[in-house]
Protein backbone atom coordinates (compact mmCIF):
# COMPACT_ATOMS: atom_id res chain seq x y z
CA MET A 1 -44.57 221.11 117.23
CA GLY A 2 -47.21 218.58 118.11
CA LEU A 3 -50.89 218.37 118.87
CA LYS A 4 -52.50 221.40 120.45
CA ASP A 5 -54.20 220.97 123.84
CA ASP A 6 -57.61 221.93 122.45
CA MET A 7 -58.38 218.91 120.28
CA GLY A 8 -61.99 219.86 119.63
CA TYR A 9 -63.52 216.61 120.91
CA VAL A 10 -67.14 215.95 120.02
CA THR A 11 -69.70 214.01 122.04
CA GLY A 12 -68.66 210.38 122.48
CA GLN A 13 -64.95 210.91 121.85
CA THR A 14 -62.52 210.08 124.63
CA PRO A 15 -60.02 212.85 125.43
CA LEU A 16 -56.35 211.84 125.52
CA SER A 17 -54.10 212.65 128.44
CA GLU A 18 -50.87 214.60 127.92
CA GLU A 19 -48.92 211.36 128.37
CA GLU A 20 -51.06 209.55 125.80
CA MET A 21 -50.58 212.41 123.31
CA GLU A 22 -46.81 211.84 123.60
CA GLY A 23 -47.44 208.56 121.75
CA LEU A 24 -48.04 210.45 118.51
CA LEU A 25 -45.61 209.17 115.87
CA ILE A 26 -46.05 212.03 113.41
CA PRO A 27 -44.76 215.19 115.11
CA THR A 28 -45.86 217.46 112.24
CA ILE A 29 -49.55 216.91 113.14
CA THR A 30 -50.89 219.94 115.02
CA THR A 31 -54.67 219.92 114.48
CA ARG A 32 -57.59 217.53 114.93
CA GLU A 33 -58.25 217.69 111.17
CA GLU A 34 -54.70 216.55 110.36
CA LEU A 35 -54.90 213.81 112.99
CA ASP A 36 -58.23 212.55 111.61
CA GLU A 37 -56.77 212.49 108.09
CA PHE A 38 -53.66 210.48 109.02
CA GLU A 39 -55.71 208.09 111.21
CA GLN A 40 -58.22 207.52 108.38
CA LEU A 41 -55.43 206.66 105.91
CA ASN A 42 -54.08 204.13 108.42
CA ILE A 43 -57.55 202.72 109.13
CA GLN A 44 -58.29 202.34 105.42
CA LYS A 45 -55.27 200.08 105.06
CA ALA A 46 -56.61 197.93 107.91
CA VAL A 47 -60.07 197.78 106.36
CA GLU A 48 -58.59 196.56 103.09
CA TYR A 49 -56.46 193.97 104.89
CA TYR A 50 -59.26 192.53 107.05
CA LEU A 51 -62.25 192.85 104.72
CA ILE A 52 -60.79 192.53 101.21
CA ARG A 53 -57.38 190.88 101.10
CA ARG A 54 -57.57 188.16 103.77
CA LYS A 55 -59.87 185.45 105.09
CA PHE A 56 -60.14 184.55 108.75
CA LYS A 57 -61.78 181.70 110.70
CA THR A 58 -63.89 182.10 113.83
CA ASP A 59 -61.30 180.54 116.14
CA LYS A 60 -58.76 183.12 114.93
CA ILE A 61 -61.11 186.12 115.19
CA LEU A 62 -62.40 185.44 118.67
CA THR A 63 -59.02 185.78 120.39
CA GLU A 64 -57.35 188.51 122.37
CA ASP A 65 -54.38 188.55 119.98
CA PHE A 66 -56.64 189.14 116.98
CA ILE A 67 -58.61 191.91 118.67
CA MET A 68 -55.38 193.69 119.64
CA GLY A 69 -53.88 193.09 116.20
CA VAL A 70 -56.80 194.79 114.48
CA HIS A 71 -56.37 197.91 116.60
CA LYS A 72 -52.62 197.90 115.98
CA LYS A 73 -53.05 197.63 112.21
CA MET A 74 -55.63 200.45 112.31
CA LEU A 75 -53.50 203.01 114.16
CA SER A 76 -49.85 201.92 114.35
CA ASP A 77 -48.73 204.43 111.71
CA VAL A 78 -49.99 207.23 114.00
CA TRP A 79 -49.85 206.11 117.66
CA ALA A 80 -47.13 204.25 119.57
CA TRP A 81 -49.77 202.68 121.88
CA ALA A 82 -51.82 201.18 119.03
CA GLY A 83 -52.78 197.59 119.80
CA GLN A 84 -52.16 197.92 123.53
CA PHE A 85 -54.83 197.87 126.20
CA ARG A 86 -55.33 201.26 127.84
CA GLN A 87 -53.54 201.85 131.14
CA SER A 88 -55.59 204.79 132.45
CA GLU A 89 -59.10 205.48 133.64
CA LYS A 90 -61.52 207.14 131.22
CA THR A 91 -64.96 208.71 131.59
CA ILE A 92 -66.30 205.65 129.75
CA GLY A 93 -65.50 201.99 130.24
CA ILE A 94 -64.55 199.71 133.10
CA SER A 95 -61.47 200.05 135.30
CA TRP A 96 -58.42 199.59 133.08
CA HIS A 97 -57.10 196.79 135.32
CA GLN A 98 -60.19 194.72 134.42
CA VAL A 99 -59.99 195.16 130.63
CA PRO A 100 -58.18 191.87 129.72
CA ILE A 101 -60.42 189.82 132.04
CA ARG A 102 -63.63 191.33 130.68
CA LEU A 103 -62.50 190.89 127.09
CA ARG A 104 -61.84 187.19 127.69
CA GLN A 105 -65.35 186.87 129.16
CA LEU A 106 -66.80 188.66 126.11
CA LEU A 107 -64.96 186.37 123.69
CA GLY A 108 -66.38 183.35 125.54
CA ASP A 109 -69.86 184.89 125.47
CA CYS A 110 -69.59 185.53 121.73
CA ARG A 111 -68.55 181.96 121.00
CA PHE A 112 -71.56 180.75 123.00
CA TRP A 113 -73.93 183.10 121.11
CA ILE A 114 -72.62 181.81 117.78
CA GLU A 115 -72.63 178.09 118.69
CA ASN A 116 -76.13 178.27 120.15
CA SER A 117 -77.69 180.88 117.79
CA THR A 118 -78.63 182.85 120.88
CA TYR A 119 -79.37 185.94 118.81
CA SER A 120 -79.63 186.73 115.10
CA GLU A 121 -76.34 187.01 113.24
CA GLU A 122 -76.65 190.81 113.03
CA GLU A 123 -77.41 191.09 116.73
CA ILE A 124 -74.44 188.94 117.67
CA ALA A 125 -72.12 191.19 115.65
CA ILE A 126 -73.64 194.38 117.08
CA ARG A 127 -73.79 193.04 120.62
CA PHE A 128 -70.08 192.08 120.34
CA LYS A 129 -69.27 195.57 119.02
CA HIS A 130 -71.28 197.31 121.73
CA GLU A 131 -69.71 195.30 124.53
CA MET A 132 -66.22 196.14 123.29
CA VAL A 133 -67.06 199.86 123.35
CA ALA A 134 -68.55 199.49 126.83
CA ILE A 135 -65.32 197.86 128.06
CA HIS A 136 -63.31 200.55 126.23
CA LEU A 137 -60.30 198.40 125.44
CA PHE A 138 -57.95 201.02 124.09
CA THR A 139 -56.72 204.55 124.73
CA ASN A 140 -58.57 205.79 121.65
CA GLY A 141 -60.18 204.50 118.47
CA ASN A 142 -62.61 202.17 120.29
CA GLY A 143 -65.64 203.08 118.18
CA ARG A 144 -63.84 202.68 114.91
CA HIS A 145 -62.19 199.47 116.09
CA SER A 146 -65.46 197.95 117.28
CA ARG A 147 -67.23 198.81 114.04
CA LEU A 148 -64.48 197.10 112.03
CA MET A 149 -64.71 194.08 114.34
CA ALA A 150 -68.49 193.87 113.75
CA ASP A 151 -67.81 193.97 109.99
CA ILE A 152 -65.20 191.24 110.34
CA VAL A 153 -67.68 189.07 112.27
CA MET A 154 -70.33 189.57 109.57
CA LYS A 155 -67.98 188.89 106.64
CA HIS A 156 -65.76 186.10 107.95
CA ILE A 157 -67.90 184.29 110.54
CA PHE A 158 -71.38 184.71 109.07
CA LYS A 159 -70.41 185.15 105.39
CA LYS A 160 -72.71 188.14 105.10
CA PRO A 161 -72.18 191.72 103.84
CA LYS A 162 -70.47 194.11 106.18
CA PHE A 163 -72.46 196.94 107.80
CA THR A 164 -72.79 200.38 106.20
CA TRP A 165 -72.86 202.49 109.41
CA GLY A 166 -74.95 205.32 108.00
CA ARG A 167 -72.45 205.63 105.13
CA ASN A 168 -70.52 208.18 107.17
CA ASN A 169 -67.10 208.18 108.87
CA LEU A 170 -68.79 209.08 112.20
CA ILE A 171 -65.77 211.11 113.33
CA ASN A 172 -66.97 214.65 112.85
CA LYS A 173 -70.09 216.17 114.41
CA SER A 174 -73.11 215.55 112.19
CA GLU A 175 -76.72 214.45 112.32
CA VAL A 176 -75.62 210.94 111.37
CA ARG A 177 -73.14 210.83 114.27
CA ASP A 178 -75.83 212.15 116.65
CA THR A 179 -78.14 209.32 115.51
CA TYR A 180 -75.34 206.83 116.14
CA ILE A 181 -74.64 208.17 119.62
CA LYS A 182 -78.36 208.04 120.53
CA ALA A 183 -78.50 204.42 119.33
CA LEU A 184 -75.43 203.59 121.45
CA LYS A 185 -77.07 205.12 124.53
CA LYS A 186 -80.17 203.00 123.98
CA ALA A 187 -77.96 199.95 123.61
CA ASP A 188 -76.35 200.85 126.97
CA ASN A 189 -79.83 200.24 128.45
CA GLY A 190 -80.22 196.88 126.69
CA ASP A 191 -82.15 198.01 123.60
CA LEU A 192 -80.04 197.22 120.52
CA LYS A 193 -82.73 197.70 117.85
CA ASP A 194 -81.73 201.23 116.88
CA LEU A 195 -78.04 200.36 116.80
CA ILE A 196 -78.69 197.34 114.53
CA ALA A 197 -80.86 199.52 112.28
CA PHE A 198 -78.20 202.23 112.17
CA ALA A 199 -75.47 199.72 111.31
CA ARG A 200 -77.51 198.68 108.28
CA SER A 201 -78.46 202.27 107.26
C-alpha cells in the first residue's frame, strides 16, 4: 500500500520525490484525495492552536524555531519530515543549502519592516508570506504554511483579523486557485497588490 506515483498535482504544487513520499506516516493513504483530507485535519488542529487557543508575541513569532514549529504542527500527523527544512532541489525556491540563511535574513527584514512601518500592516504580512514561498522552506505545504504565518502575523503582531484567502482551501484546481496563482506570479515581479486583495477576498 501507499501513495500512487500519479499524485495528480495541479499548477503551483511541488511534486514529491520517491524518497520524500517514504515519509508518509499513514500507509493506508493511496490517493491524493485521501492525502488532502488527512493533511487538512492536521492543519485544522494547527490553525486552532495558533489562531484561537494561544497568544504569541512578535519576538517569539519571528524566529526560525517558531516557523519550523508551525509547519511541524500542521503536518506531523501525516509526514515524518514535517517541520524540517527541505533537503532537495525543487522547481521553485532557492538552493536547499541556502534555506536557513535566507530565512534568517527574511526574519531580520520583517522585524525592520515592523519597527519602521516600512509598509502597511497587510503588506508586511503578505510580503513575509510571499518571501517564505519564494524561499520554499519545506518539502511540501509551503503555501498553506505561509498563509497561516501571514494570519499569525495579522492576529498576534498587528492585532487585526486574519485573512480570508478567497474563502477557499486553495488545494484543488478551481477559479479561485487560478486567481491566487496569478496573484503570486505578479508578486514574484514585485507587484503585491493583487495578492493583498486576494488575501482579503
